Amino acid sequence: MERSELARRIGSRIKENRKSQHISQEELAFKADMHPSYLGCVERGEKCPTIETVFRISEALGVPISLLISVEGADETVSKARARINAAVDRIPPEKLTVFADTIEKIAKLTE
C-alpha cells in the first residue's frame, strides 16, 4: 500500500470517529494538542501523521490506536461499527452502564 493511500485511510478513520462522537475538528485538535489546520490535512489524507500523532488523536477520541491505523479492508466495517458503539456508550448515563454491559454480553453469547 502506498503512503498516500495509508494517509487517506487513517485520515478517514479519524474523521469518522470524530464525527460519530459529534466533536469538531477544533475540539479534537485541542484535545490532541495540535493545530486544527494540521488535523484537517490529516483527515483529508494530505498529511501522513506520525505514530505519535495518531496515538495522541486516539487518546483524545478515547479509541484504541489500532482502530485508526488498521489497513485491512474488512476492518472498515468493524471500525465504523465500533465508532458507532463508542458514541452510543458515551451517551449512556454512568449509573446505567452496568445494565448496558450485561445486555451486550448476552447479545455476544447469542452470536457465538
PDB file of N, CA and C in Angstrom:
ATOM      1  N   MET A   1       0.846  -1.177   0.000  1.00  0.00           N
ATOM      2  CA  MET A   1       0.000   0.000   0.000  1.00  0.00           C
ATOM      3  C   MET A   1       0.894   1.243   0.000  1.00  0.00           C
ATOM      4  N   GLU A   2       0.533   2.181  -0.829  1.00  0.00           N
ATOM      5  CA  GLU A   2       1.303   3.417  -0.925  1.00  0.00           C
ATOM      6  C   GLU A   2       1.049   4.304   0.293  1.00  0.00           C
ATOM      7  N   ARG A   3       2.026   5.148   0.578  1.00  0.00           N
ATOM      8  CA  ARG A   3       1.941   6.059   1.720  1.00  0.00           C
ATOM      9  C   ARG A   3       0.714   6.966   1.618  1.00  0.00           C
ATOM     10  N   SER A   4       0.411   7.452   0.426  1.00  0.00           N
ATOM     11  CA  SER A   4      -0.728   8.361   0.257  1.00  0.00           C
ATOM     12  C   SER A   4      -2.050   7.650   0.553  1.00  0.00           C
ATOM     13  N   GLU A   5      -2.154   6.383   0.169  1.00  0.00           N
ATOM     14  CA  GLU A   5      -3.367   5.614   0.462  1.00  0.00           C
ATOM     15  C   GLU A   5      -3.486   5.349   1.953  1.00  0.00           C
ATOM     16  N   LEU A   6      -2.374   5.055   2.600  1.00  0.00           N
ATOM     17  CA  LEU A   6      -2.368   4.854   4.048  1.00  0.00           C
ATOM     18  C   LEU A   6      -2.810   6.132   4.758  1.00  0.00           C
ATOM     19  N   ALA A   7      -2.279   7.271   4.341  1.00  0.00           N
ATOM     20  CA  ALA A   7      -2.653   8.556   4.933  1.00  0.00           C
ATOM     21  C   ALA A   7      -4.141   8.824   4.752  1.00  0.00           C
ATOM     22  N   ARG A   8      -4.667   8.502   3.578  1.00  0.00           N
ATOM     23  CA  ARG A   8      -6.090   8.719   3.312  1.00  0.00           C
ATOM     24  C   ARG A   8      -6.964   7.844   4.215  1.00  0.00           C
ATOM     25  N   ARG A   9      -6.583   6.585   4.372  1.00  0.00           N
ATOM     26  CA  ARG A   9      -7.371   5.674   5.208  1.00  0.00           C
ATOM     27  C   ARG A   9      -7.344   6.085   6.683  1.00  0.00           C
ATOM     28  N   ILE A  10      -6.164   6.427   7.174  1.00  0.00           N
ATOM     29  CA  ILE A  10      -6.055   6.861   8.566  1.00  0.00           C
ATOM     30  C   ILE A  10      -6.872   8.129   8.776  1.00  0.00           C
ATOM     31  N   GLY A  11      -6.735   9.075   7.868  1.00  0.00           N
ATOM     32  CA  GLY A  11      -7.480  10.324   7.975  1.00  0.00           C
ATOM     33  C   GLY A  11      -8.976  10.097   7.961  1.00  0.00           C
ATOM     34  N   SER A  12      -9.407   9.198   7.112  1.00  0.00           N
ATOM     35  CA  SER A  12     -10.832   8.879   7.010  1.00  0.00           C
ATOM     36  C   SER A  12     -11.351   8.269   8.310  1.00  0.00           C
ATOM     37  N   ARG A  13     -10.573   7.388   8.903  1.00  0.00           N
ATOM     38  CA  ARG A  13     -10.994   6.765  10.167  1.00  0.00           C
ATOM     39  C   ARG A  13     -11.036   7.782  11.300  1.00  0.00           C
ATOM     40  N   ILE A  14     -10.070   8.678  11.311  1.00  0.00           N
ATOM     41  CA  ILE A  14     -10.072   9.725  12.337  1.00  0.00           C
ATOM     42  C   ILE A  14     -11.336  10.570  12.195  1.00  0.00           C
ATOM     43  N   LYS A  15     -11.628  10.983  10.979  1.00  0.00           N
ATOM     44  CA  LYS A  15     -12.796  11.820  10.728  1.00  0.00           C
ATOM     45  C   LYS A  15     -14.094  11.095  11.104  1.00  0.00           C
ATOM     46  N   GLU A  16     -14.217   9.822  10.726  1.00  0.00           N
ATOM     47  CA  GLU A  16     -15.411   9.035  11.052  1.00  0.00           C
ATOM     48  C   GLU A  16     -15.622   8.957  12.562  1.00  0.00           C
ATOM     49  N   ASN A  17     -14.539   8.668  13.277  1.00  0.00           N
ATOM     50  CA  ASN A  17     -14.634   8.556  14.728  1.00  0.00           C
ATOM     51  C   ASN A  17     -14.961   9.900  15.371  1.00  0.00           C
ATOM     52  N   ARG A  18     -14.358  10.949  14.868  1.00  0.00           N
ATOM     53  CA  ARG A  18     -14.629  12.300  15.405  1.00  0.00           C
ATOM     54  C   ARG A  18     -16.084  12.665  15.182  1.00  0.00           C
ATOM     55  N   LYS A  19     -16.573  12.462  13.973  1.00  0.00           N
ATOM     56  CA  LYS A  19     -17.959  12.825  13.656  1.00  0.00           C
ATOM     57  C   LYS A  19     -18.960  11.969  14.428  1.00  0.00           C
ATOM     58  N   SER A  20     -18.665  10.701  14.608  1.00  0.00           N
ATOM     59  CA  SER A  20     -19.592   9.828  15.341  1.00  0.00           C
ATOM     60  C   SER A  20     -19.716  10.260  16.800  1.00  0.00           C
ATOM     61  N   GLN A  21     -18.705  10.958  17.289  1.00  0.00           N
ATOM     62  CA  GLN A  21     -18.732  11.462  18.663  1.00  0.00           C
ATOM     63  C   GLN A  21     -19.196  12.916  18.735  1.00  0.00           C
ATOM     64  N   HIS A  22     -19.561  13.462  17.580  1.00  0.00           N
ATOM     65  CA  HIS A  22     -20.041  14.845  17.491  1.00  0.00           C
ATOM     66  C   HIS A  22     -19.031  15.839  18.077  1.00  0.00           C
ATOM     67  N   ILE A  23     -17.761  15.650  17.676  1.00  0.00           N
ATOM     68  CA  ILE A  23     -16.673  16.520  18.112  1.00  0.00           C
ATOM     69  C   ILE A  23     -16.205  17.331  16.909  1.00  0.00           C
ATOM     70  N   SER A  24     -16.005  18.615  17.089  1.00  0.00           N
ATOM     71  CA  SER A  24     -15.498  19.451  15.997  1.00  0.00           C
ATOM     72  C   SER A  24     -14.002  19.194  15.802  1.00  0.00           C
ATOM     73  N   GLN A  25     -13.509  19.583  14.629  1.00  0.00           N
ATOM     74  CA  GLN A  25     -12.065  19.469  14.383  1.00  0.00           C
ATOM     75  C   GLN A  25     -11.293  20.287  15.405  1.00  0.00           C
ATOM     76  N   GLU A  26     -11.789  21.462  15.705  1.00  0.00           N
ATOM     77  CA  GLU A  26     -11.115  22.349  16.653  1.00  0.00           C
ATOM     78  C   GLU A  26     -11.028  21.700  18.035  1.00  0.00           C
ATOM     79  N   GLU A  27     -12.121  21.085  18.472  1.00  0.00           N
ATOM     80  CA  GLU A  27     -12.134  20.438  19.786  1.00  0.00           C
ATOM     81  C   GLU A  27     -11.164  19.264  19.834  1.00  0.00           C
ATOM     82  N   LEU A  28     -11.190  18.428  18.792  1.00  0.00           N
ATOM     83  CA  LEU A  28     -10.278  17.291  18.754  1.00  0.00           C
ATOM     84  C   LEU A  28      -8.829  17.760  18.692  1.00  0.00           C
ATOM     85  N   ALA A  29      -8.563  18.760  17.879  1.00  0.00           N
ATOM     86  CA  ALA A  29      -7.201  19.290  17.777  1.00  0.00           C
ATOM     87  C   ALA A  29      -6.723  19.793  19.140  1.00  0.00           C
ATOM     88  N   PHE A  30      -7.587  20.482  19.857  1.00  0.00           N
ATOM     89  CA  PHE A  30      -7.233  20.983  21.189  1.00  0.00           C
ATOM     90  C   PHE A  30      -6.912  19.815  22.121  1.00  0.00           C
ATOM     91  N   LYS A  31      -7.781  18.801  22.129  1.00  0.00           N
ATOM     92  CA  LYS A  31      -7.575  17.641  22.998  1.00  0.00           C
ATOM     93  C   LYS A  31      -6.296  16.888  22.654  1.00  0.00           C
ATOM     94  N   ALA A  32      -5.957  16.858  21.362  1.00  0.00           N
ATOM     95  CA  ALA A  32      -4.770  16.122  20.900  1.00  0.00           C
ATOM     96  C   ALA A  32      -3.523  16.999  20.850  1.00  0.00           C
ATOM     97  N   ASP A  33      -3.660  18.251  21.259  1.00  0.00           N
ATOM     98  CA  ASP A  33      -2.540  19.197  21.308  1.00  0.00           C
ATOM     99  C   ASP A  33      -1.887  19.396  19.937  1.00  0.00           C
ATOM    100  N   MET A  34      -2.742  19.790  18.966  1.00  0.00           N
ATOM    101  CA  MET A  34      -2.225  20.087  17.635  1.00  0.00           C
ATOM    102  C   MET A  34      -3.046  21.209  17.007  1.00  0.00           C
ATOM    103  N   HIS A  35      -2.562  21.765  15.949  1.00  0.00           N
ATOM    104  CA  HIS A  35      -3.255  22.858  15.275  1.00  0.00           C
ATOM    105  C   HIS A  35      -4.430  22.294  14.468  1.00  0.00           C
ATOM    106  N   PRO A  36      -5.591  22.947  14.508  1.00  0.00           N
ATOM    107  CA  PRO A  36      -6.751  22.465  13.762  1.00  0.00           C
ATOM    108  C   PRO A  36      -6.511  22.309  12.264  1.00  0.00           C
ATOM    109  N   SER A  37      -5.710  23.199  11.688  1.00  0.00           N
ATOM    110  CA  SER A  37      -5.477  23.083  10.241  1.00  0.00           C
ATOM    111  C   SER A  37      -4.646  21.835   9.918  1.00  0.00           C
ATOM    112  N   TYR A  38      -3.737  21.453  10.823  1.00  0.00           N
ATOM    113  CA  TYR A  38      -2.974  20.221  10.611  1.00  0.00           C
ATOM    114  C   TYR A  38      -3.902  19.013  10.701  1.00  0.00           C
ATOM    115  N   LEU A  39      -4.791  19.020  11.693  1.00  0.00           N
ATOM    116  CA  LEU A  39      -5.748  17.920  11.821  1.00  0.00           C
ATOM    117  C   LEU A  39      -6.608  17.816  10.564  1.00  0.00           C
ATOM    118  N   GLY A  40      -7.004  18.948  10.003  1.00  0.00           N
ATOM    119  CA  GLY A  40      -7.782  18.942   8.757  1.00  0.00           C
ATOM    120  C   GLY A  40      -7.014  18.288   7.627  1.00  0.00           C
ATOM    121  N   CYS A  41      -5.723  18.597   7.518  1.00  0.00           N
ATOM    122  CA  CYS A  41      -4.880  17.977   6.484  1.00  0.00           C
ATOM    123  C   CYS A  41      -4.768  16.469   6.696  1.00  0.00           C
ATOM    124  N   VAL A  42      -4.654  16.053   7.963  1.00  0.00           N
ATOM    125  CA  VAL A  42      -4.574  14.625   8.276  1.00  0.00           C
ATOM    126  C   VAL A  42      -5.880  13.937   7.882  1.00  0.00           C
ATOM    127  N   GLU A  43      -7.016  14.533   8.262  1.00  0.00           N
ATOM    128  CA  GLU A  43      -8.311  13.920   7.945  1.00  0.00           C
ATOM    129  C   GLU A  43      -8.543  13.807   6.439  1.00  0.00           C
ATOM    130  N   ARG A  44      -8.033  14.750   5.675  1.00  0.00           N
ATOM    131  CA  ARG A  44      -8.199  14.703   4.217  1.00  0.00           C
ATOM    132  C   ARG A  44      -7.148  13.819   3.534  1.00  0.00           C
ATOM    133  N   GLY A  45      -6.213  13.288   4.306  1.00  0.00           N
ATOM    134  CA  GLY A  45      -5.174  12.423   3.755  1.00  0.00           C
ATOM    135  C   GLY A  45      -4.057  13.189   3.070  1.00  0.00           C
ATOM    136  N   GLU A  46      -3.993  14.504   3.301  1.00  0.00           N
ATOM    137  CA  GLU A  46      -2.946  15.326   2.698  1.00  0.00           C
ATOM    138  C   GLU A  46      -1.626  15.197   3.442  1.00  0.00           C
ATOM    139  N   LYS A  47      -1.698  14.842   4.716  1.00  0.00           N
ATOM    140  CA  LYS A  47      -0.506  14.627   5.541  1.00  0.00           C
ATOM    141  C   LYS A  47      -0.587  13.235   6.129  1.00  0.00           C
ATOM    142  N   CYS A  48       0.566  12.562   6.195  1.00  0.00           N
ATOM    143  CA  CYS A  48       0.634  11.246   6.820  1.00  0.00           C
ATOM    144  C   CYS A  48       1.175  11.448   8.237  1.00  0.00           C
ATOM    145  N   PRO A  49       0.323  11.277   9.252  1.00  0.00           N
ATOM    146  CA  PRO A  49       0.752  11.570  10.619  1.00  0.00           C
ATOM    147  C   PRO A  49       1.743  10.547  11.152  1.00  0.00           C
ATOM    148  N   THR A  50       2.574  10.988  12.090  1.00  0.00           N
ATOM    149  CA  THR A  50       3.487  10.066  12.761  1.00  0.00           C
ATOM    150  C   THR A  50       2.673   9.178  13.694  1.00  0.00           C
ATOM    151  N   ILE A  51       3.265   8.111  14.149  1.00  0.00           N
ATOM    152  CA  ILE A  51       2.581   7.220  15.076  1.00  0.00           C
ATOM    153  C   ILE A  51       2.274   7.953  16.381  1.00  0.00           C
ATOM    154  N   GLU A  52       3.150   8.858  16.790  1.00  0.00           N
ATOM    155  CA  GLU A  52       2.907   9.647  18.000  1.00  0.00           C
ATOM    156  C   GLU A  52       1.658  10.517  17.833  1.00  0.00           C
ATOM    157  N   THR A  53       1.516  11.127  16.658  1.00  0.00           N
ATOM    158  CA  THR A  53       0.343  11.958  16.392  1.00  0.00           C
ATOM    159  C   THR A  53      -0.929  11.119  16.387  1.00  0.00           C
ATOM    160  N   VAL A  54      -0.884   9.963  15.755  1.00  0.00           N
ATOM    161  CA  VAL A  54      -2.059   9.088  15.730  1.00  0.00           C
ATOM    162  C   VAL A  54      -2.399   8.629  17.147  1.00  0.00           C
ATOM    163  N   PHE A  55      -1.379   8.381  17.950  1.00  0.00           N
ATOM    164  CA  PHE A  55      -1.609   7.979  19.342  1.00  0.00           C
ATOM    165  C   PHE A  55      -2.313   9.099  20.111  1.00  0.00           C
ATOM    166  N   ARG A  56      -1.849  10.327  19.949  1.00  0.00           N
ATOM    167  CA  ARG A  56      -2.485  11.459  20.647  1.00  0.00           C
ATOM    168  C   ARG A  56      -3.939  11.623  20.207  1.00  0.00           C
ATOM    169  N   ILE A  57      -4.187  11.439  18.926  1.00  0.00           N
ATOM    170  CA  ILE A  57      -5.560  11.541  18.413  1.00  0.00           C
ATOM    171  C   ILE A  57      -6.420  10.411  18.980  1.00  0.00           C
ATOM    172  N   SER A  58      -5.886   9.196  19.005  1.00  0.00           N
ATOM    173  CA  SER A  58      -6.656   8.067  19.536  1.00  0.00           C
ATOM    174  C   SER A  58      -6.979   8.285  21.015  1.00  0.00           C
ATOM    175  N   GLU A  59      -6.031   8.822  21.764  1.00  0.00           N
ATOM    176  CA  GLU A  59      -6.274   9.127  23.176  1.00  0.00           C
ATOM    177  C   GLU A  59      -7.354  10.197  23.314  1.00  0.00           C
ATOM    178  N   ALA A  60      -7.279  11.220  22.483  1.00  0.00           N
ATOM    179  CA  ALA A  60      -8.264  12.309  22.541  1.00  0.00           C
ATOM    180  C   ALA A  60      -9.660  11.813  22.168  1.00  0.00           C
ATOM    181  N   LEU A  61      -9.737  10.847  21.253  1.00  0.00           N
ATOM    182  CA  LEU A  61     -11.022  10.274  20.848  1.00  0.00           C
ATOM    183  C   LEU A  61     -11.499   9.181  21.804  1.00  0.00           C
ATOM    184  N   GLY A  62     -10.570   8.656  22.600  1.00  0.00           N
ATOM    185  CA  GLY A  62     -10.921   7.566  23.504  1.00  0.00           C
ATOM    186  C   GLY A  62     -11.127   6.245  22.781  1.00  0.00           C
ATOM    187  N   VAL A  63     -10.379   6.047  21.691  1.00  0.00           N
ATOM    188  CA  VAL A  63     -10.470   4.796  20.931  1.00  0.00           C
ATOM    189  C   VAL A  63      -9.087   4.166  20.849  1.00  0.00           C
ATOM    190  N   PRO A  64      -9.009   2.851  20.686  1.00  0.00           N
ATOM    191  CA  PRO A  64      -7.701   2.206  20.533  1.00  0.00           C
ATOM    192  C   PRO A  64      -7.009   2.689  19.264  1.00  0.00           C
ATOM    193  N   ILE A  65      -5.711   2.837  19.341  1.00  0.00           N
ATOM    194  CA  ILE A  65      -4.946   3.293  18.173  1.00  0.00           C
ATOM    195  C   ILE A  65      -5.127   2.318  17.008  1.00  0.00           C
ATOM    196  N   SER A  66      -5.287   1.035  17.309  1.00  0.00           N
ATOM    197  CA  SER A  66      -5.461   0.034  16.248  1.00  0.00           C
ATOM    198  C   SER A  66      -6.702   0.308  15.409  1.00  0.00           C
ATOM    199  N   LEU A  67      -7.685   0.963  15.989  1.00  0.00           N
ATOM    200  CA  LEU A  67      -8.900   1.310  15.256  1.00  0.00           C
ATOM    201  C   LEU A  67      -8.602   2.325  14.153  1.00  0.00           C
ATOM    202  N   LEU A  68      -7.594   3.155  14.367  1.00  0.00           N
ATOM    203  CA  LEU A  68      -7.261   4.207  13.413  1.00  0.00           C
ATOM    204  C   LEU A  68      -6.228   3.784  12.381  1.00  0.00           C
ATOM    205  N   ILE A  69      -5.364   2.824  12.712  1.00  0.00           N
ATOM    206  CA  ILE A  69      -4.267   2.501  11.794  1.00  0.00           C
ATOM    207  C   ILE A  69      -4.416   1.174  11.066  1.00  0.00           C
ATOM    208  N   SER A  70      -5.453   0.413  11.354  1.00  0.00           N
ATOM    209  CA  SER A  70      -5.638  -0.861  10.678  1.00  0.00           C
ATOM    210  C   SER A  70      -5.783  -0.632   9.176  1.00  0.00           C
ATOM    211  N   VAL A  71      -5.143  -1.489   8.379  1.00  0.00           N
ATOM    212  CA  VAL A  71      -5.171  -1.293   6.931  1.00  0.00           C
ATOM    213  C   VAL A  71      -5.944  -2.366   6.187  1.00  0.00           C
ATOM    214  N   GLU A  72      -6.509  -3.322   6.889  1.00  0.00           N
ATOM    215  CA  GLU A  72      -7.257  -4.382   6.220  1.00  0.00           C
ATOM    216  C   GLU A  72      -8.627  -3.872   5.798  1.00  0.00           C
ATOM    217  N   GLY A  73      -9.065  -4.227   4.623  1.00  0.00           N
ATOM    218  CA  GLY A  73     -10.340  -3.765   4.088  1.00  0.00           C
ATOM    219  C   GLY A  73     -11.537  -4.126   4.948  1.00  0.00           C
ATOM    220  N   ALA A  74     -11.566  -5.343   5.495  1.00  0.00           N
ATOM    221  CA  ALA A  74     -12.701  -5.765   6.307  1.00  0.00           C
ATOM    222  C   ALA A  74     -12.810  -4.938   7.582  1.00  0.00           C
ATOM    223  N   ASP A  75     -11.707  -4.367   8.014  1.00  0.00           N
ATOM    224  CA  ASP A  75     -11.720  -3.576   9.235  1.00  0.00           C
ATOM    225  C   ASP A  75     -12.478  -2.262   9.071  1.00  0.00           C
ATOM    226  N   GLU A  76     -12.734  -1.846   7.844  1.00  0.00           N
ATOM    227  CA  GLU A  76     -13.506  -0.619   7.616  1.00  0.00           C
ATOM    228  C   GLU A  76     -14.876  -0.730   8.272  1.00  0.00           C
ATOM    229  N   THR A  77     -15.550  -1.849   8.045  1.00  0.00           N
ATOM    230  CA  THR A  77     -16.878  -2.061   8.609  1.00  0.00           C
ATOM    231  C   THR A  77     -16.806  -2.157  10.125  1.00  0.00           C
ATOM    232  N   VAL A  78     -15.827  -2.882  10.624  1.00  0.00           N
ATOM    233  CA  VAL A  78     -15.653  -3.021  12.067  1.00  0.00           C
ATOM    234  C   VAL A  78     -15.329  -1.668  12.683  1.00  0.00           C
ATOM    235  N   SER A  79     -14.471  -0.904  12.029  1.00  0.00           N
ATOM    236  CA  SER A  79     -14.103   0.422  12.520  1.00  0.00           C
ATOM    237  C   SER A  79     -15.322   1.323  12.654  1.00  0.00           C
ATOM    238  N   LYS A  80     -16.160   1.316  11.644  1.00  0.00           N
ATOM    239  CA  LYS A  80     -17.366   2.143  11.669  1.00  0.00           C
ATOM    240  C   LYS A  80     -18.321   1.679  12.765  1.00  0.00           C
ATOM    241  N   ALA A  81     -18.483   0.379  12.898  1.00  0.00           N
ATOM    242  CA  ALA A  81     -19.386  -0.163  13.912  1.00  0.00           C
ATOM    243  C   ALA A  81     -18.893   0.176  15.317  1.00  0.00           C
ATOM    244  N   ARG A  82     -17.588   0.027  15.543  1.00  0.00           N
ATOM    245  CA  ARG A  82     -17.037   0.352  16.871  1.00  0.00           C
ATOM    246  C   ARG A  82     -17.160   1.841  17.180  1.00  0.00           C
ATOM    247  N   ALA A  83     -16.976   2.662  16.187  1.00  0.00           N
ATOM    248  CA  ALA A  83     -17.132   4.106  16.391  1.00  0.00           C
ATOM    249  C   ALA A  83     -18.567   4.429  16.797  1.00  0.00           C
ATOM    250  N   ARG A  84     -19.531   3.779  16.141  1.00  0.00           N
ATOM    251  CA  ARG A  84     -20.945   3.993  16.481  1.00  0.00           C
ATOM    252  C   ARG A  84     -21.239   3.503  17.896  1.00  0.00           C
ATOM    253  N   ILE A  85     -20.684   2.344  18.247  1.00  0.00           N
ATOM    254  CA  ILE A  85     -20.892   1.799  19.593  1.00  0.00           C
ATOM    255  C   ILE A  85     -20.273   2.729  20.633  1.00  0.00           C
ATOM    256  N   ASN A  86     -19.053   3.180  20.389  1.00  0.00           N
ATOM    257  CA  ASN A  86     -18.391   4.095  21.339  1.00  0.00           C
ATOM    258  C   ASN A  86     -19.198   5.372  21.527  1.00  0.00           C
ATOM    259  N   ALA A  87     -19.717   5.908  20.447  1.00  0.00           N
ATOM    260  CA  ALA A  87     -20.518   7.131  20.545  1.00  0.00           C
ATOM    261  C   ALA A  87     -21.794   6.876  21.346  1.00  0.00           C
ATOM    262  N   ALA A  88     -22.403   5.720  21.145  1.00  0.00           N
ATOM    263  CA  ALA A  88     -23.624   5.381  21.892  1.00  0.00           C
ATOM    264  C   ALA A  88     -23.325   5.203  23.371  1.00  0.00           C
ATOM    265  N   VAL A  89     -22.221   4.533  23.680  1.00  0.00           N
ATOM    266  CA  VAL A  89     -21.841   4.316  25.079  1.00  0.00           C
ATOM    267  C   VAL A  89     -21.592   5.654  25.779  1.00  0.00           C
ATOM    268  N   ASP A  90     -21.010   6.592  25.074  1.00  0.00           N
ATOM    269  CA  ASP A  90     -20.740   7.905  25.668  1.00  0.00           C
ATOM    270  C   ASP A  90     -22.018   8.635  26.079  1.00  0.00           C
ATOM    271  N   ARG A  91     -23.147   8.277  25.475  1.00  0.00           N
ATOM    272  CA  ARG A  91     -24.416   8.934  25.793  1.00  0.00           C
ATOM    273  C   ARG A  91     -25.172   8.248  26.939  1.00  0.00           C
ATOM    274  N   ILE A  92     -24.685   7.095  27.388  1.00  0.00           N
ATOM    275  CA  ILE A  92     -25.363   6.349  28.447  1.00  0.00           C
ATOM    276  C   ILE A  92     -24.957   6.921  29.800  1.00  0.00           C
ATOM    277  N   PRO A  93     -25.930   7.206  30.652  1.00  0.00           N
ATOM    278  CA  PRO A  93     -25.602   7.698  31.998  1.00  0.00           C
ATOM    279  C   PRO A  93     -24.758   6.658  32.751  1.00  0.00           C
ATOM    280  N   PRO A  94     -23.782   7.096  33.522  1.00  0.00           N
ATOM    281  CA  PRO A  94     -22.882   6.162  34.221  1.00  0.00           C
ATOM    282  C   PRO A  94     -23.608   5.096  35.046  1.00  0.00           C
ATOM    283  N   GLU A  95     -24.718   5.465  35.676  1.00  0.00           N
ATOM    284  CA  GLU A  95     -25.432   4.503  36.516  1.00  0.00           C
ATOM    285  C   GLU A  95     -26.117   3.402  35.698  1.00  0.00           C
ATOM    286  N   LYS A  96     -26.218   3.569  34.382  1.00  0.00           N
ATOM    287  CA  LYS A  96     -26.860   2.575  33.509  1.00  0.00           C
ATOM    288  C   LYS A  96     -25.843   1.708  32.758  1.00  0.00           C
ATOM    289  N   LEU A  97     -24.548   2.005  32.904  1.00  0.00           N
ATOM    290  CA  LEU A  97     -23.530   1.274  32.139  1.00  0.00           C
ATOM    291  C   LEU A  97     -23.476  -0.214  32.474  1.00  0.00           C
ATOM    292  N   THR A  98     -23.715  -0.580  33.721  1.00  0.00           N
ATOM    293  CA  THR A  98     -23.686  -1.990  34.093  1.00  0.00           C
ATOM    294  C   THR A  98     -24.793  -2.759  33.376  1.00  0.00           C
ATOM    295  N   VAL A  99     -25.974  -2.178  33.312  1.00  0.00           N
ATOM    296  CA  VAL A  99     -27.097  -2.810  32.605  1.00  0.00           C
ATOM    297  C   VAL A  99     -26.747  -2.959  31.127  1.00  0.00           C
ATOM    298  N   PHE A 100     -26.150  -1.930  30.561  1.00  0.00           N
ATOM    299  CA  PHE A 100     -25.750  -1.967  29.160  1.00  0.00           C
ATOM    300  C   PHE A 100     -24.721  -3.081  28.928  1.00  0.00           C
ATOM    301  N   ALA A 101     -23.709  -3.162  29.800  1.00  0.00           N
ATOM    302  CA  ALA A 101     -22.671  -4.186  29.663  1.00  0.00           C
ATOM    303  C   ALA A 101     -23.274  -5.589  29.748  1.00  0.00           C
ATOM    304  N   ASP A 102     -24.197  -5.791  30.681  1.00  0.00           N
ATOM    305  CA  ASP A 102     -24.854  -7.094  30.809  1.00  0.00           C
ATOM    306  C   ASP A 102     -25.602  -7.452  29.523  1.00  0.00           C
ATOM    307  N   THR A 103     -26.286  -6.485  28.963  1.00  0.00           N
ATOM    308  CA  THR A 103     -27.053  -6.704  27.734  1.00  0.00           C
ATOM    309  C   THR A 103     -26.134  -7.069  26.571  1.00  0.00           C
ATOM    310  N   ILE A 104     -25.045  -6.342  26.424  1.00  0.00           N
ATOM    311  CA  ILE A 104     -24.089  -6.612  25.341  1.00  0.00           C
ATOM    312  C   ILE A 104     -23.495  -8.013  25.491  1.00  0.00           C
ATOM    313  N   GLU A 105     -23.171  -8.396  26.709  1.00  0.00           N
ATOM    314  CA  GLU A 105     -22.617  -9.746  26.938  1.00  0.00           C
ATOM    315  C   GLU A 105     -23.618 -10.823  26.548  1.00  0.00           C
ATOM    316  N   LYS A 106     -24.896 -10.610  26.847  1.00  0.00           N
ATOM    317  CA  LYS A 106     -25.929 -11.583  26.466  1.00  0.00           C
ATOM    318  C   LYS A 106     -26.067 -11.653  24.948  1.00  0.00           C
ATOM    319  N   ILE A 107     -26.017 -10.511  24.295  1.00  0.00           N
ATOM    320  CA  ILE A 107     -26.086 -10.497  22.827  1.00  0.00           C
ATOM    321  C   ILE A 107     -24.883 -11.215  22.226  1.00  0.00           C
ATOM    322  N   ALA A 108     -23.711 -10.968  22.775  1.00  0.00           N
ATOM    323  CA  ALA A 108     -22.496 -11.613  22.278  1.00  0.00           C
ATOM    324  C   ALA A 108     -22.592 -13.134  22.396  1.00  0.00           C
ATOM    325  N   LYS A 109     -23.153 -13.614  23.503  1.00  0.00           N
ATOM    326  CA  LYS A 109     -23.310 -15.075  23.672  1.00  0.00           C
ATOM    327  C   LYS A 109     -24.262 -15.652  22.637  1.00  0.00           C
ATOM    328  N   LEU A 110     -25.270 -14.905  22.252  1.00  0.00           N
ATOM    329  CA  LEU A 110     -26.227 -15.379  21.240  1.00  0.00           C
ATOM    330  C   LEU A 110     -25.567 -15.526  19.863  1.00  0.00           C
ATOM    331  N   THR A 111     -24.519 -14.763  19.614  1.00  0.00           N
ATOM    332  CA  THR A 111     -23.861 -14.795  18.308  1.00  0.00           C
ATOM    333  C   THR A 111     -22.713 -15.795  18.245  1.00  0.00           C
ATOM    334  N   GLU A 112     -22.422 -16.449  19.349  1.00  0.00           N
ATOM    335  CA  GLU A 112     -21.303 -17.420  19.368  1.00  0.00           C
ATOM    336  C   GLU A 112     -21.669 -18.696  18.669  1.00  0.00           C
TER     337      GLU A 112
END
